[in-house]
């Protein structure tokens, strides 16, 4: 599965009328940092999508720390950016892969296939000395019709049923760092540990210097897993799990879903159990 483009490809295709670039840079500890970085300089033609304002809905009792946005609202934002059903969308972040991955997953969830991540992000672009600008483009509003691709999303109810059935052949993959998975530390959420039955595959292990590992390397990461099983990836809030979703698909796993609400949604239900691991 091809989900990235390289900086040289993007440079050569920036002027194409059916290509749109979306800057997804964001810092969880400093929510305004990404927009400021965009204003200070971005890839020519880029529009900015904020993780919390554009790619998430307001936080409620359930749904996690970054709930899925209202798709009709997201549709309007895409249309105002000149993105239609025939547009090739390229998302980039600073090089983490997770914030661009969030947008990749959202647009794929809306049934749009021509969406890619700039491999290496802004870091890779700048390493090539390619141009940046402070100019903000204006695009003619277009029409974007979407059809939800429910095959790549796992609802809370689905995850709950899987846990109650002792996972029943479905593998939950926790994408967070190991100490958060074990429950040794938890810097963000009100509870520590992981969803019962989950295994740990840290999302950052799928990248090297901000670039996604190739298909063979991803296959090696998941070599002990049965590709015929169903997999559901999650993290703290559904953002950093997206690189693992992409890595599994690149490795040839067919039945992969993202639990968008992730651990922060799971623990919003007081009766749900969490598991810890003592060393």
C-alpha atoms as a PDB file:
ATOM      1  CA  UNK A   1       0.000   0.000   0.000  1.00  0.00           C
ATOM      2  CA  UNK A   2       1.433   3.347  -1.094  1.00  0.00           C
ATOM      3  CA  UNK A   3       0.569   6.156   1.318  1.00  0.00           C
ATOM      4  CA  UNK A   4       3.580   8.500   1.109  1.00  0.00           C
ATOM      5  CA  UNK A   5       5.119  10.802  -1.467  1.00  0.00           C
ATOM      6  CA  UNK A   6       8.647  12.165  -1.422  1.00  0.00           C
ATOM      7  CA  UNK A   7       9.641  15.825  -1.292  1.00  0.00           C
ATOM      8  CA  UNK A   8      10.898  15.822  -4.877  1.00  0.00           C
ATOM      9  CA  UNK A   9       7.577  14.463  -6.153  1.00  0.00           C
ATOM     10  CA  UNK A  10       5.686  17.170  -4.298  1.00  0.00           C
ATOM     11  CA  UNK A  11       8.006  19.890  -5.603  1.00  0.00           C
ATOM     12  CA  UNK A  12       7.470  18.682  -9.167  1.00  0.00           C
ATOM     13  CA  UNK A  13       3.674  18.519  -8.779  1.00  0.00           C
ATOM     14  CA  UNK A  14       2.886  21.578  -6.655  1.00  0.00           C
ATOM     15  CA  UNK A  15       1.651  23.538  -9.652  1.00  0.00           C
ATOM     16  CA  UNK A  16      -0.810  20.847 -10.749  1.00  0.00           C
ATOM     17  CA  UNK A  17      -4.389  22.089 -10.375  1.00  0.00           C
ATOM     18  CA  UNK A  18      -5.590  18.810  -8.896  1.00  0.00           C
ATOM     19  CA  UNK A  19      -2.986  18.768  -6.078  1.00  0.00           C
ATOM     20  CA  UNK A  20      -3.662  20.344  -2.673  1.00  0.00           C
ATOM     21  CA  UNK A  21      -1.269  20.435   0.252  1.00  0.00           C
ATOM     22  CA  UNK A  22      -2.371  20.582   3.893  1.00  0.00           C
ATOM     23  CA  UNK A  23      -0.056  21.656   6.704  1.00  0.00           C
ATOM     24  CA  UNK A  24      -0.908  19.635   9.828  1.00  0.00           C
ATOM     25  CA  UNK A  25       1.904  20.729  12.125  1.00  0.00           C
ATOM     26  CA  UNK A  26       0.907  20.646  15.781  1.00  0.00           C
ATOM     27  CA  UNK A  27       2.361  20.344  19.263  1.00  0.00           C
ATOM     28  CA  UNK A  28       0.236  18.746  21.972  1.00  0.00           C
ATOM     29  CA  UNK A  29       1.955  20.751  24.720  1.00  0.00           C
ATOM     30  CA  UNK A  30       1.628  24.024  22.771  1.00  0.00           C
ATOM     31  CA  UNK A  31      -1.597  23.929  20.720  1.00  0.00           C
ATOM     32  CA  UNK A  32      -0.950  27.281  18.984  1.00  0.00           C
ATOM     33  CA  UNK A  33       2.580  26.357  17.889  1.00  0.00           C
ATOM     34  CA  UNK A  34       1.586  24.645  14.647  1.00  0.00           C
ATOM     35  CA  UNK A  35      -0.386  27.588  13.316  1.00  0.00           C
ATOM     36  CA  UNK A  36       2.443  29.954  14.232  1.00  0.00           C
ATOM     37  CA  UNK A  37       4.877  27.724  12.355  1.00  0.00           C
ATOM     38  CA  UNK A  38       2.553  27.795   9.356  1.00  0.00           C
ATOM     39  CA  UNK A  39       2.354  31.590   9.471  1.00  0.00           C
ATOM     40  CA  UNK A  40       6.153  31.834   9.723  1.00  0.00           C
ATOM     41  CA  UNK A  41       6.668  29.712   6.607  1.00  0.00           C
ATOM     42  CA  UNK A  42       5.017  26.796   4.834  1.00  0.00           C
ATOM     43  CA  UNK A  43       5.179  24.805   1.629  1.00  0.00           C
ATOM     44  CA  UNK A  44       3.791  26.978  -1.203  1.00  0.00           C
ATOM     45  CA  UNK A  45       0.086  26.459  -1.771  1.00  0.00           C
ATOM     46  CA  UNK A  46      -0.504  24.909   1.654  1.00  0.00           C
ATOM     47  CA  UNK A  47      -3.568  25.488   3.795  1.00  0.00           C
ATOM     48  CA  UNK A  48      -3.474  24.862   7.537  1.00  0.00           C
ATOM     49  CA  UNK A  49      -5.618  22.314   9.378  1.00  0.00           C
ATOM     50  CA  UNK A  50      -5.453  22.399  13.176  1.00  0.00           C
ATOM     51  CA  UNK A  51      -5.607  19.083  15.054  1.00  0.00           C
ATOM     52  CA  UNK A  52      -8.004  20.375  17.691  1.00  0.00           C
ATOM     53  CA  UNK A  53     -10.020  22.924  15.698  1.00  0.00           C
ATOM     54  CA  UNK A  54     -10.272  21.234  12.306  1.00  0.00           C
ATOM     55  CA  UNK A  55      -9.480  17.540  12.781  1.00  0.00           C
ATOM     56  CA  UNK A  56     -11.309  17.012  16.075  1.00  0.00           C
ATOM     57  CA  UNK A  57     -14.673  17.814  17.600  1.00  0.00           C
ATOM     58  CA  UNK A  58     -15.025  19.543  20.994  1.00  0.00           C
ATOM     59  CA  UNK A  59     -14.285  17.226  23.907  1.00  0.00           C
ATOM     60  CA  UNK A  60     -17.344  15.749  25.609  1.00  0.00           C
ATOM     61  CA  UNK A  61     -17.922  13.099  28.265  1.00  0.00           C
ATOM     62  CA  UNK A  62     -17.123  10.318  25.808  1.00  0.00           C
ATOM     63  CA  UNK A  63     -15.217  10.182  22.545  1.00  0.00           C
ATOM     64  CA  UNK A  64     -11.734  10.711  23.898  1.00  0.00           C
ATOM     65  CA  UNK A  65      -9.413  13.698  23.999  1.00  0.00           C
ATOM     66  CA  UNK A  66      -9.588  14.206  20.224  1.00  0.00           C
ATOM     67  CA  UNK A  67     -13.083  13.118  19.152  1.00  0.00           C
ATOM     68  CA  UNK A  68     -13.751  12.655  15.473  1.00  0.00           C
ATOM     69  CA  UNK A  69     -14.910  15.893  13.845  1.00  0.00           C
ATOM     70  CA  UNK A  70     -18.359  16.360  12.394  1.00  0.00           C
ATOM     71  CA  UNK A  71     -17.773  15.084   8.865  1.00  0.00           C
ATOM     72  CA  UNK A  72     -20.162  17.607   7.340  1.00  0.00           C
ATOM     73  CA  UNK A  73     -18.127  20.413   8.901  1.00  0.00           C
ATOM     74  CA  UNK A  74     -14.870  18.834   7.711  1.00  0.00           C
ATOM     75  CA  UNK A  75     -16.377  18.436   4.249  1.00  0.00           C
ATOM     76  CA  UNK A  76     -17.062  22.196   4.121  1.00  0.00           C
ATOM     77  CA  UNK A  77     -13.488  22.986   5.178  1.00  0.00           C
ATOM     78  CA  UNK A  78     -12.112  20.705   2.478  1.00  0.00           C
ATOM     79  CA  UNK A  79     -14.366  22.322  -0.128  1.00  0.00           C
ATOM     80  CA  UNK A  80     -13.202  25.812   0.889  1.00  0.00           C
ATOM     81  CA  UNK A  81      -9.622  24.594   0.418  1.00  0.00           C
ATOM     82  CA  UNK A  82     -10.484  23.672  -3.160  1.00  0.00           C
ATOM     83  CA  UNK A  83     -10.501  19.945  -2.466  1.00  0.00           C
ATOM     84  CA  UNK A  84     -12.924  17.871  -4.511  1.00  0.00           C
ATOM     85  CA  UNK A  85     -13.355  14.205  -5.259  1.00  0.00           C
ATOM     86  CA  UNK A  86     -10.655  14.222  -7.947  1.00  0.00           C
ATOM     87  CA  UNK A  87      -8.089  16.122  -5.885  1.00  0.00           C
ATOM     88  CA  UNK A  88      -4.828  14.540  -4.768  1.00  0.00           C
ATOM     89  CA  UNK A  89      -4.260  15.586  -1.162  1.00  0.00           C
ATOM     90  CA  UNK A  90      -0.801  15.645   0.427  1.00  0.00           C
ATOM     91  CA  UNK A  91      -0.617  16.150   4.194  1.00  0.00           C
ATOM     92  CA  UNK A  92       2.515  17.034   6.099  1.00  0.00           C
ATOM     93  CA  UNK A  93       3.611  17.756   9.664  1.00  0.00           C
ATOM     94  CA  UNK A  94       7.008  18.466  11.195  1.00  0.00           C
ATOM     95  CA  UNK A  95       8.112  14.902  10.515  1.00  0.00           C
ATOM     96  CA  UNK A  96       6.337  12.976  13.270  1.00  0.00           C
ATOM     97  CA  UNK A  97       3.922  11.378  10.824  1.00  0.00           C
ATOM     98  CA  UNK A  98       1.125  11.290  13.413  1.00  0.00           C
ATOM     99  CA  UNK A  99      -0.610  14.606  12.731  1.00  0.00           C
ATOM    100  CA  UNK A 100      -0.438  14.168   8.962  1.00  0.00           C
ATOM    101  CA  UNK A 101      -1.505  10.579   9.619  1.00  0.00           C
ATOM    102  CA  UNK A 102      -4.606  11.835  11.402  1.00  0.00           C
ATOM    103  CA  UNK A 103      -5.641  13.819   8.335  1.00  0.00           C
ATOM    104  CA  UNK A 104      -4.769  10.899   6.043  1.00  0.00           C
ATOM    105  CA  UNK A 105      -7.016   8.613   8.085  1.00  0.00           C
ATOM    106  CA  UNK A 106      -9.882  11.134   8.282  1.00  0.00           C
ATOM    107  CA  UNK A 107      -9.946  11.738   4.536  1.00  0.00           C
ATOM    108  CA  UNK A 108      -9.668   7.994   3.901  1.00  0.00           C
ATOM    109  CA  UNK A 109     -12.535   7.476   6.358  1.00  0.00           C
ATOM    110  CA  UNK A 110     -14.552   9.813   4.148  1.00  0.00           C
ATOM    111  CA  UNK A 111     -13.921   7.456   1.235  1.00  0.00           C
ATOM    112  CA  UNK A 112     -11.313   9.567  -0.566  1.00  0.00           C
ATOM    113  CA  UNK A 113      -8.469   7.457  -1.959  1.00  0.00           C
ATOM    114  CA  UNK A 114      -6.081  10.062  -3.363  1.00  0.00           C
ATOM    115  CA  UNK A 115      -4.510  11.154  -0.087  1.00  0.00           C
ATOM    116  CA  UNK A 116      -0.844  10.866   0.886  1.00  0.00           C
ATOM    117  CA  UNK A 117       1.634  11.892   3.566  1.00  0.00           C
ATOM    118  CA  UNK A 118       4.798  13.802   2.739  1.00  0.00           C
ATOM    119  CA  UNK A 119       7.456  11.338   3.873  1.00  0.00           C
ATOM    120  CA  UNK A 120       9.678  13.096   6.380  1.00  0.00           C
ATOM    121  CA  UNK A 121       7.356  16.083   6.599  1.00  0.00           C
ATOM    122  CA  UNK A 122       8.559  19.667   6.653  1.00  0.00           C
ATOM    123  CA  UNK A 123      11.966  18.457   7.799  1.00  0.00           C
ATOM    124  CA  UNK A 124      12.475  16.529   4.545  1.00  0.00           C
ATOM    125  CA  UNK A 125      11.272  19.511   2.506  1.00  0.00           C
ATOM    126  CA  UNK A 126      13.723  21.887   4.164  1.00  0.00           C
ATOM    127  CA  UNK A 127      16.598  19.415   3.890  1.00  0.00           C
ATOM    128  CA  UNK A 128      16.255  19.707   0.114  1.00  0.00           C
ATOM    129  CA  UNK A 129      16.296  23.516   0.319  1.00  0.00           C
ATOM    130  CA  UNK A 130      12.906  23.617  -1.351  1.00  0.00           C
ATOM    131  CA  UNK A 131      11.021  26.920  -1.104  1.00  0.00           C
ATOM    132  CA  UNK A 132       8.715  28.042   1.665  1.00  0.00           C
ATOM    133  CA  UNK A 133       6.409  31.046   1.756  1.00  0.00           C
ATOM    134  CA  UNK A 134       4.236  33.088   4.092  1.00  0.00           C
ATOM    135  CA  UNK A 135       1.629  33.700   1.398  1.00  0.00           C
ATOM    136  CA  UNK A 136      -1.787  32.183   1.980  1.00  0.00           C
ATOM    137  CA  UNK A 137      -3.456  30.783  -1.105  1.00  0.00           C
ATOM    138  CA  UNK A 138      -7.053  31.404  -2.085  1.00  0.00           C
ATOM    139  CA  UNK A 139      -8.808  28.554  -3.819  1.00  0.00           C
ATOM    140  CA  UNK A 140     -12.124  28.425  -5.597  1.00  0.00           C
ATOM    141  CA  UNK A 141     -14.597  26.502  -3.474  1.00  0.00           C
ATOM    142  CA  UNK A 142     -15.509  23.153  -4.949  1.00  0.00           C
ATOM    143  CA  UNK A 143     -17.671  20.133  -4.118  1.00  0.00           C
ATOM    144  CA  UNK A 144     -16.534  17.189  -2.024  1.00  0.00           C
ATOM    145  CA  UNK A 145     -18.954  14.312  -1.696  1.00  0.00           C
ATOM    146  CA  UNK A 146     -18.065  11.682   0.859  1.00  0.00           C
ATOM    147  CA  UNK A 147     -19.136   8.161   1.748  1.00  0.00           C
ATOM    148  CA  UNK A 148     -17.990   6.854   5.123  1.00  0.00           C
ATOM    149  CA  UNK A 149     -15.561   3.947   4.925  1.00  0.00           C
ATOM    150  CA  UNK A 150     -16.648   2.209   8.124  1.00  0.00           C
ATOM    151  CA  UNK A 151     -14.297  -0.722   7.431  1.00  0.00           C
ATOM    152  CA  UNK A 152     -11.339   1.235   8.847  1.00  0.00           C
ATOM    153  CA  UNK A 153     -12.966   2.423  12.094  1.00  0.00           C
ATOM    154  CA  UNK A 154     -13.808   0.516  15.267  1.00  0.00           C
ATOM    155  CA  UNK A 155     -16.498   1.992  17.493  1.00  0.00           C
ATOM    156  CA  UNK A 156     -16.431   1.949  21.275  1.00  0.00           C
ATOM    157  CA  UNK A 157     -19.214  -0.624  21.233  1.00  0.00           C
ATOM    158  CA  UNK A 158     -17.178  -2.892  18.976  1.00  0.00           C
ATOM    159  CA  UNK A 159     -14.126  -2.682  21.220  1.00  0.00           C
ATOM    160  CA  UNK A 160     -16.239  -3.257  24.324  1.00  0.00           C
ATOM    161  CA  UNK A 161     -17.773  -6.399  22.798  1.00  0.00           C
ATOM    162  CA  UNK A 162     -14.334  -7.705  21.829  1.00  0.00           C
ATOM    163  CA  UNK A 163     -12.996  -7.232  25.359  1.00  0.00           C
ATOM    164  CA  UNK A 164     -16.056  -8.887  26.885  1.00  0.00           C
ATOM    165  CA  UNK A 165     -15.501 -11.861  24.570  1.00  0.00           C
ATOM    166  CA  UNK A 166     -11.851 -12.118  25.687  1.00  0.00           C
ATOM    167  CA  UNK A 167     -10.800 -10.634  22.343  1.00  0.00           C
ATOM    168  CA  UNK A 168     -12.155 -13.644  20.407  1.00  0.00           C
ATOM    169  CA  UNK A 169      -9.466 -13.673  17.745  1.00  0.00           C
ATOM    170  CA  UNK A 170      -9.236  -9.887  17.407  1.00  0.00           C
ATOM    171  CA  UNK A 171      -5.918  -8.299  18.363  1.00  0.00           C
ATOM    172  CA  UNK A 172      -5.891  -4.893  20.042  1.00  0.00           C
ATOM    173  CA  UNK A 173      -2.643  -2.990  19.499  1.00  0.00           C
ATOM    174  CA  UNK A 174      -1.724  -0.245  21.940  1.00  0.00           C
ATOM    175  CA  UNK A 175       0.529   2.200  20.095  1.00  0.00           C
ATOM    176  CA  UNK A 176       1.762   4.235  23.067  1.00  0.00           C
ATOM    177  CA  UNK A 177       5.190   4.099  24.666  1.00  0.00           C
ATOM    178  CA  UNK A 178       5.819   0.977  26.737  1.00  0.00           C
ATOM    179  CA  UNK A 179       5.691   2.644  30.164  1.00  0.00           C
ATOM    180  CA  UNK A 180       2.251   4.052  29.439  1.00  0.00           C
ATOM    181  CA  UNK A 181       1.117   0.660  28.200  1.00  0.00           C
ATOM    182  CA  UNK A 182       2.288  -1.036  31.414  1.00  0.00           C
ATOM    183  CA  UNK A 183       0.788   1.672  33.588  1.00  0.00           C
ATOM    184  CA  UNK A 184       4.111   2.689  35.074  1.00  0.00           C
ATOM    185  CA  UNK A 185       3.585   6.273  33.960  1.00  0.00           C
ATOM    186  CA  UNK A 186       0.633   8.262  32.641  1.00  0.00           C
ATOM    187  CA  UNK A 187       1.301  11.936  31.910  1.00  0.00           C
ATOM    188  CA  UNK A 188      -2.055  12.778  30.327  1.00  0.00           C
ATOM    189  CA  UNK A 189      -5.014  10.550  31.145  1.00  0.00           C
ATOM    190  CA  UNK A 190      -6.752  10.085  34.494  1.00  0.00           C
ATOM    191  CA  UNK A 191      -6.075   6.334  34.582  1.00  0.00           C
ATOM    192  CA  UNK A 192      -2.994   4.329  33.648  1.00  0.00           C
ATOM    193  CA  UNK A 193      -2.587   0.977  31.966  1.00  0.00           C
ATOM    194  CA  UNK A 194      -4.100  -0.488  28.819  1.00  0.00           C
ATOM    195  CA  UNK A 195      -7.289  -1.995  27.442  1.00  0.00           C
ATOM    196  CA  UNK A 196      -7.569  -5.649  28.547  1.00  0.00           C
ATOM    197  CA  UNK A 197      -5.974  -8.091  26.108  1.00  0.00           C
ATOM    198  CA  UNK A 198      -4.004  -5.482  24.156  1.00  0.00           C
ATOM    199  CA  UNK A 199      -0.420  -5.932  23.015  1.00  0.00           C
ATOM    200  CA  UNK A 200       2.084  -3.113  22.673  1.00  0.00           C
ATOM    201  CA  UNK A 201       3.630  -1.917  19.423  1.00  0.00           C
ATOM    202  CA  UNK A 202       5.107   1.549  19.901  1.00  0.00           C
ATOM    203  CA  UNK A 203       4.181   3.716  16.930  1.00  0.00           C
ATOM    204  CA  UNK A 204       7.542   5.493  16.694  1.00  0.00           C
ATOM    205  CA  UNK A 205       9.255   2.198  15.870  1.00  0.00           C
ATOM    206  CA  UNK A 206       7.654   2.381  12.436  1.00  0.00           C
ATOM    207  CA  UNK A 207       9.678   5.456  11.496  1.00  0.00           C
ATOM    208  CA  UNK A 208      13.336   6.423  11.229  1.00  0.00           C
ATOM    209  CA  UNK A 209      14.270  10.098  11.357  1.00  0.00           C
ATOM    210  CA  UNK A 210      10.683  11.048  10.625  1.00  0.00           C
ATOM    211  CA  UNK A 211      10.402   8.776   7.602  1.00  0.00           C
ATOM    212  CA  UNK A 212       8.220   5.699   7.423  1.00  0.00           C
ATOM    213  CA  UNK A 213      10.093   2.422   7.182  1.00  0.00           C
ATOM    214  CA  UNK A 214       9.543   0.496   3.959  1.00  0.00           C
ATOM    215  CA  UNK A 215       7.147  -2.424   3.585  1.00  0.00           C
ATOM    216  CA  UNK A 216       9.724  -5.114   4.313  1.00  0.00           C
ATOM    217  CA  UNK A 217      10.837  -3.378   7.498  1.00  0.00           C
ATOM    218  CA  UNK A 218       7.229  -3.024   8.616  1.00  0.00           C
ATOM    219  CA  UNK A 219       6.665  -6.720   7.948  1.00  0.00           C
ATOM    220  CA  UNK A 220       9.637  -7.464  10.194  1.00  0.00           C
ATOM    221  CA  UNK A 221       8.120  -5.314  12.965  1.00  0.00           C
ATOM    222  CA  UNK A 222       4.953  -7.374  12.890  1.00  0.00           C
ATOM    223  CA  UNK A 223       6.513 -10.715  11.963  1.00  0.00           C
ATOM    224  CA  UNK A 224       5.055 -12.550  14.977  1.00  0.00           C
ATOM    225  CA  UNK A 225       1.500 -11.509  14.113  1.00  0.00           C
ATOM    226  CA  UNK A 226      -0.948 -13.510  12.005  1.00  0.00           C
ATOM    227  CA  UNK A 227      -1.905 -11.418   8.947  1.00  0.00           C
ATOM    228  CA  UNK A 228      -5.196 -13.305   8.695  1.00  0.00           C
ATOM    229  CA  UNK A 229      -6.492 -11.939  12.001  1.00  0.00           C
ATOM    230  CA  UNK A 230      -8.343  -8.699  12.603  1.00  0.00           C
ATOM    231  CA  UNK A 231      -6.412  -5.830  14.223  1.00  0.00           C
ATOM    232  CA  UNK A 232      -7.585  -2.711  16.004  1.00  0.00           C
ATOM    233  CA  UNK A 233      -4.999  -0.037  16.780  1.00  0.00           C
ATOM    234  CA  UNK A 234      -5.376   2.594  19.459  1.00  0.00           C
ATOM    235  CA  UNK A 235      -3.287   5.089  21.418  1.00  0.00           C
ATOM    236  CA  UNK A 236      -4.225   7.805  23.882  1.00  0.00           C
ATOM    237  CA  UNK A 237      -6.619   9.750  21.672  1.00  0.00           C
ATOM    238  CA  UNK A 238      -6.552   8.201  18.207  1.00  0.00           C
ATOM    239  CA  UNK A 239      -3.771  10.343  16.727  1.00  0.00           C
ATOM    240  CA  UNK A 240      -0.455   8.544  17.233  1.00  0.00           C
ATOM    241  CA  UNK A 241      -2.081   5.207  16.411  1.00  0.00           C
ATOM    242  CA  UNK A 242      -2.492   6.257  12.779  1.00  0.00           C
ATOM    243  CA  UNK A 243       1.181   5.542  11.887  1.00  0.00           C
ATOM    244  CA  UNK A 244       0.680   1.994  13.193  1.00  0.00           C
ATOM    245  CA  UNK A 245      -2.485   1.685  11.096  1.00  0.00           C
ATOM    246  CA  UNK A 246      -0.471   2.734   8.054  1.00  0.00           C
ATOM    247  CA  UNK A 247       2.451   0.477   8.955  1.00  0.00           C
ATOM    248  CA  UNK A 248       0.213  -2.577   9.267  1.00  0.00           C
ATOM    249  CA  UNK A 249      -1.420  -1.866   5.922  1.00  0.00           C
ATOM    250  CA  UNK A 250       1.987  -1.373   4.325  1.00  0.00           C
ATOM    251  CA  UNK A 251       3.061  -4.719   5.772  1.00  0.00           C
ATOM    252  CA  UNK A 252       0.169  -6.420   3.984  1.00  0.00           C
ATOM    253  CA  UNK A 253      -2.351  -6.739   6.808  1.00  0.00           C
ATOM    254  CA  UNK A 254      -5.809  -6.420   5.298  1.00  0.00           C
ATOM    255  CA  UNK A 255      -8.195  -6.281   8.251  1.00  0.00           C
ATOM    256  CA  UNK A 256      -7.053  -3.246  10.240  1.00  0.00           C
ATOM    257  CA  UNK A 257      -9.148  -0.655  12.068  1.00  0.00           C
ATOM    258  CA  UNK A 258      -8.487   2.408  14.182  1.00  0.00           C
ATOM    259  CA  UNK A 259     -10.331   2.962  17.448  1.00  0.00           C
ATOM    260  CA  UNK A 260     -10.647   6.759  17.175  1.00  0.00           C
ATOM    261  CA  UNK A 261     -11.516   7.434  20.810  1.00  0.00           C
ATOM    262  CA  UNK A 262      -8.718   5.144  21.989  1.00  0.00           C
ATOM    263  CA  UNK A 263      -7.654   4.796  25.631  1.00  0.00           C
ATOM    264  CA  UNK A 264      -9.010   8.202  26.697  1.00  0.00           C
ATOM    265  CA  UNK A 265     -12.450   7.162  25.459  1.00  0.00           C
ATOM    266  CA  UNK A 266     -12.200   3.687  27.017  1.00  0.00           C
ATOM    267  CA  UNK A 267     -11.526   5.092  30.494  1.00  0.00           C
ATOM    268  CA  UNK A 268     -14.339   7.641  30.185  1.00  0.00           C
ATOM    269  CA  UNK A 269     -16.647   4.742  31.050  1.00  0.00           C
ATOM    270  CA  UNK A 270     -16.146   4.213  34.785  1.00  0.00           C
ATOM    271  CA  UNK A 271     -16.939   0.490  34.761  1.00  0.00           C
ATOM    272  CA  UNK A 272     -14.310  -0.392  32.126  1.00  0.00           C
ATOM    273  CA  UNK A 273     -11.301  -2.277  33.425  1.00  0.00           C
ATOM    274  CA  UNK A 274      -7.728  -1.417  32.590  1.00  0.00           C
ATOM    275  CA  UNK A 275      -4.719  -3.706  32.910  1.00  0.00           C
ATOM    276  CA  UNK A 276      -1.239  -2.950  34.179  1.00  0.00           C
ATOM    277  CA  UNK A 277       2.005  -4.901  34.050  1.00  0.00           C
ATOM    278  CA  UNK A 278       4.393  -5.102  36.971  1.00  0.00           C
ATOM    279  CA  UNK A 279       8.014  -5.652  36.125  1.00  0.00           C
END
